[in-house]
């Protein structure tokens, strides 16, 4: 007995073959990469005291990230603030 290929099984199940990605919240890889960089920053606090604190931290973080040379690893960059 020979089993079906995955493609044949999907056809039998009525699944339409498609190579496109569904629309999700992570459709912008630049934003996702930027968020991950921020999230894993060594001095990223577990919790902010207020929305103003969060905005200040992010503004300083991104200014440092955009101004300083990319060759400098994140762990070696001075902390924001």
N, C-alpha and C. Protein backbone atom coordinates (compact mmCIF):
# COMPACT_ATOMS: atom_id res chain seq x y z
N UNK A 1 0.85 -1.18 0.00
CA UNK A 1 0.00 0.00 0.00
C UNK A 1 0.89 1.25 0.00
N UNK A 2 0.55 2.18 -0.81
CA UNK A 2 1.33 3.42 -0.94
C UNK A 2 0.53 4.58 -0.35
N UNK A 3 1.19 5.39 0.47
CA UNK A 3 0.50 6.53 1.05
C UNK A 3 0.44 7.69 0.06
N UNK A 4 -0.46 8.58 0.33
CA UNK A 4 -0.61 9.77 -0.52
C UNK A 4 0.46 10.79 -0.17
N UNK A 5 0.76 11.64 -1.13
CA UNK A 5 1.65 12.76 -0.82
C UNK A 5 0.84 13.79 -0.02
N UNK A 6 1.54 14.69 0.61
CA UNK A 6 0.86 15.73 1.39
C UNK A 6 -0.02 16.57 0.48
N UNK A 7 0.46 16.87 -0.71
CA UNK A 7 -0.33 17.67 -1.66
C UNK A 7 -1.63 16.96 -2.02
N UNK A 8 -1.57 15.65 -2.22
CA UNK A 8 -2.79 14.89 -2.56
C UNK A 8 -3.75 14.86 -1.37
N UNK A 9 -3.22 14.71 -0.18
CA UNK A 9 -4.06 14.71 1.02
C UNK A 9 -4.77 16.06 1.18
N UNK A 10 -4.04 17.14 0.97
CA UNK A 10 -4.64 18.47 1.11
C UNK A 10 -5.74 18.68 0.08
N UNK A 11 -5.55 18.17 -1.14
CA UNK A 11 -6.59 18.28 -2.17
C UNK A 11 -7.82 17.50 -1.74
N UNK A 12 -7.63 16.29 -1.23
CA UNK A 12 -8.75 15.48 -0.75
C UNK A 12 -9.50 16.16 0.40
N UNK A 13 -8.78 16.90 1.23
CA UNK A 13 -9.40 17.60 2.36
C UNK A 13 -10.01 18.94 1.96
N UNK A 14 -9.82 19.35 0.70
CA UNK A 14 -10.39 20.61 0.22
C UNK A 14 -9.59 21.83 0.59
N UNK A 15 -8.31 21.65 0.92
CA UNK A 15 -7.45 22.77 1.28
C UNK A 15 -6.86 23.35 0.00
N UNK A 16 -7.02 24.66 -0.20
CA UNK A 16 -6.50 25.33 -1.38
C UNK A 16 -5.01 25.61 -1.20
N UNK A 17 -4.24 25.25 -2.20
CA UNK A 17 -2.80 25.47 -2.15
C UNK A 17 -2.50 26.95 -2.37
N UNK A 18 -1.70 27.52 -1.50
CA UNK A 18 -1.36 28.93 -1.59
C UNK A 18 0.03 29.16 -1.01
N UNK A 19 0.76 30.08 -1.60
CA UNK A 19 2.10 30.41 -1.10
C UNK A 19 2.13 31.78 -0.43
N UNK A 20 0.99 32.41 -0.32
CA UNK A 20 0.97 33.74 0.28
C UNK A 20 0.78 33.64 1.79
N UNK A 21 1.29 34.62 2.49
CA UNK A 21 1.16 34.67 3.93
C UNK A 21 -0.14 35.35 4.30
N UNK A 22 -0.78 34.90 5.38
CA UNK A 22 -1.97 35.61 5.85
C UNK A 22 -1.57 36.95 6.46
N UNK A 23 -2.47 37.88 6.47
CA UNK A 23 -2.19 39.18 7.10
C UNK A 23 -2.16 39.01 8.61
N UNK A 24 -1.04 39.33 9.20
CA UNK A 24 -0.89 39.22 10.64
C UNK A 24 -0.25 40.50 11.17
N UNK A 25 -0.16 40.58 12.47
CA UNK A 25 0.40 41.79 13.08
C UNK A 25 1.90 41.91 12.84
N UNK A 26 2.56 40.83 12.40
CA UNK A 26 4.00 40.90 12.20
C UNK A 26 4.37 40.99 10.72
N UNK A 27 3.55 41.69 9.95
CA UNK A 27 3.80 41.83 8.52
C UNK A 27 4.94 42.79 8.20
N UNK A 28 5.40 43.56 9.16
CA UNK A 28 6.47 44.51 8.92
C UNK A 28 7.74 44.01 9.60
N UNK A 29 8.63 43.34 8.89
CA UNK A 29 9.81 42.77 9.53
C UNK A 29 10.72 43.81 10.17
N UNK A 30 10.75 45.04 9.62
CA UNK A 30 11.59 46.09 10.21
C UNK A 30 11.09 46.43 11.62
N UNK A 31 9.79 46.58 11.76
CA UNK A 31 9.21 46.90 13.07
C UNK A 31 9.42 45.75 14.04
N UNK A 32 9.23 44.53 13.57
CA UNK A 32 9.41 43.36 14.43
C UNK A 32 10.87 43.25 14.90
N UNK A 33 11.81 43.47 14.00
CA UNK A 33 13.23 43.40 14.37
C UNK A 33 13.58 44.51 15.36
N UNK A 34 13.02 45.68 15.14
CA UNK A 34 13.28 46.81 16.02
C UNK A 34 12.72 46.53 17.42
N UNK A 35 11.53 45.96 17.47
CA UNK A 35 10.92 45.63 18.76
C UNK A 35 11.75 44.59 19.50
N UNK A 36 12.21 43.57 18.79
CA UNK A 36 13.01 42.52 19.43
C UNK A 36 14.32 43.10 19.96
N UNK A 37 14.95 44.01 19.20
CA UNK A 37 16.18 44.65 19.66
C UNK A 37 15.93 45.43 20.94
N UNK A 38 14.83 46.17 20.98
CA UNK A 38 14.48 46.94 22.17
C UNK A 38 14.19 46.02 23.35
N UNK A 39 13.41 44.97 23.10
CA UNK A 39 12.99 44.06 24.16
C UNK A 39 14.16 43.36 24.84
N UNK A 40 15.20 43.01 24.03
CA UNK A 40 16.33 42.28 24.59
C UNK A 40 17.50 43.19 24.98
N UNK A 41 17.27 44.49 25.01
CA UNK A 41 18.27 45.44 25.47
C UNK A 41 18.56 45.14 26.94
N UNK A 42 19.84 45.06 27.34
CA UNK A 42 20.17 44.69 28.72
C UNK A 42 19.55 45.60 29.78
N UNK A 43 19.34 46.86 29.48
CA UNK A 43 18.78 47.77 30.47
C UNK A 43 17.31 48.08 30.23
N UNK A 44 16.62 47.23 29.46
CA UNK A 44 15.17 47.37 29.27
C UNK A 44 14.48 46.98 30.57
N UNK A 45 13.71 47.89 31.16
CA UNK A 45 13.10 47.58 32.46
C UNK A 45 11.96 46.56 32.32
N UNK A 46 11.74 45.80 33.37
CA UNK A 46 10.63 44.85 33.36
C UNK A 46 9.30 45.55 33.32
N UNK A 47 9.25 46.74 33.90
CA UNK A 47 8.00 47.50 33.94
C UNK A 47 8.35 48.99 34.01
N UNK A 48 7.57 49.79 33.33
CA UNK A 48 7.76 51.24 33.37
C UNK A 48 6.83 51.84 34.42
N UNK A 49 7.28 52.92 35.03
CA UNK A 49 6.46 53.60 36.03
C UNK A 49 5.25 54.30 35.45
N UNK A 50 5.39 54.79 34.23
CA UNK A 50 4.28 55.50 33.58
C UNK A 50 4.50 55.47 32.07
N UNK A 51 3.51 55.90 31.33
CA UNK A 51 3.62 55.95 29.88
C UNK A 51 4.71 56.95 29.46
N UNK A 52 4.87 58.01 30.25
CA UNK A 52 5.91 58.99 29.95
C UNK A 52 7.30 58.37 30.10
N UNK A 53 7.49 57.53 31.13
CA UNK A 53 8.76 56.84 31.30
C UNK A 53 9.06 55.93 30.10
N UNK A 54 8.05 55.22 29.65
CA UNK A 54 8.22 54.32 28.50
C UNK A 54 8.58 55.11 27.24
N UNK A 55 7.88 56.21 27.02
CA UNK A 55 8.17 57.04 25.84
C UNK A 55 9.59 57.61 25.89
N UNK A 56 9.99 58.08 27.06
CA UNK A 56 11.33 58.65 27.22
C UNK A 56 12.40 57.58 26.95
N UNK A 57 12.21 56.40 27.54
CA UNK A 57 13.17 55.32 27.34
C UNK A 57 13.29 54.98 25.85
N UNK A 58 12.15 54.82 25.18
CA UNK A 58 12.16 54.44 23.76
C UNK A 58 12.77 55.53 22.89
N UNK A 59 12.45 56.78 23.17
CA UNK A 59 13.02 57.87 22.38
C UNK A 59 14.54 57.90 22.52
N UNK A 60 15.04 57.78 23.73
CA UNK A 60 16.48 57.79 23.95
C UNK A 60 17.14 56.56 23.34
N UNK A 61 16.48 55.42 23.46
CA UNK A 61 17.02 54.18 22.91
C UNK A 61 17.17 54.29 21.40
N UNK A 62 16.15 54.77 20.72
CA UNK A 62 16.21 54.83 19.26
C UNK A 62 17.13 55.93 18.76
N UNK A 63 17.27 57.01 19.50
CA UNK A 63 18.24 58.04 19.12
C UNK A 63 19.64 57.45 19.18
N UNK A 64 19.95 56.74 20.27
CA UNK A 64 21.27 56.12 20.40
C UNK A 64 21.48 55.08 19.30
N UNK A 65 20.46 54.32 19.02
CA UNK A 65 20.57 53.24 18.03
C UNK A 65 20.80 53.80 16.62
N UNK A 66 20.17 54.92 16.32
CA UNK A 66 20.29 55.49 14.98
C UNK A 66 21.55 56.33 14.82
N UNK A 67 22.04 56.92 15.90
CA UNK A 67 23.18 57.82 15.82
C UNK A 67 24.50 57.08 15.92
N UNK A 68 24.58 56.10 16.82
CA UNK A 68 25.85 55.40 17.02
C UNK A 68 26.12 54.41 15.89
N UNK A 69 27.39 54.14 15.63
CA UNK A 69 27.72 53.21 14.56
C UNK A 69 27.16 51.83 14.82
N UNK A 70 26.74 51.16 13.74
CA UNK A 70 26.15 49.83 13.85
C UNK A 70 27.18 48.77 14.27
N UNK A 71 28.44 49.05 14.08
CA UNK A 71 29.48 48.08 14.42
C UNK A 71 29.59 47.86 15.92
N UNK A 72 29.11 48.80 16.71
CA UNK A 72 29.20 48.69 18.16
C UNK A 72 28.07 47.79 18.66
N UNK A 73 28.38 46.64 19.30
CA UNK A 73 27.32 45.75 19.79
C UNK A 73 26.42 46.46 20.80
N UNK A 74 25.17 46.04 20.84
CA UNK A 74 24.20 46.66 21.72
C UNK A 74 24.65 46.63 23.18
N UNK A 75 25.28 45.53 23.61
CA UNK A 75 25.70 45.42 25.01
C UNK A 75 26.78 46.43 25.36
N UNK A 76 27.52 46.94 24.34
CA UNK A 76 28.60 47.88 24.59
C UNK A 76 28.17 49.34 24.46
N UNK A 77 26.93 49.56 24.07
CA UNK A 77 26.45 50.94 23.92
C UNK A 77 26.05 51.48 25.29
N UNK A 78 26.21 52.78 25.48
CA UNK A 78 25.82 53.34 26.78
C UNK A 78 24.31 53.26 26.96
N UNK A 79 23.84 53.08 28.19
CA UNK A 79 22.40 52.99 28.42
C UNK A 79 21.72 54.33 28.15
N UNK A 80 20.47 54.30 27.69
CA UNK A 80 19.74 55.56 27.49
C UNK A 80 19.49 56.24 28.83
N UNK A 81 19.48 57.55 28.78
CA UNK A 81 19.12 58.32 29.97
C UNK A 81 20.22 58.74 30.80
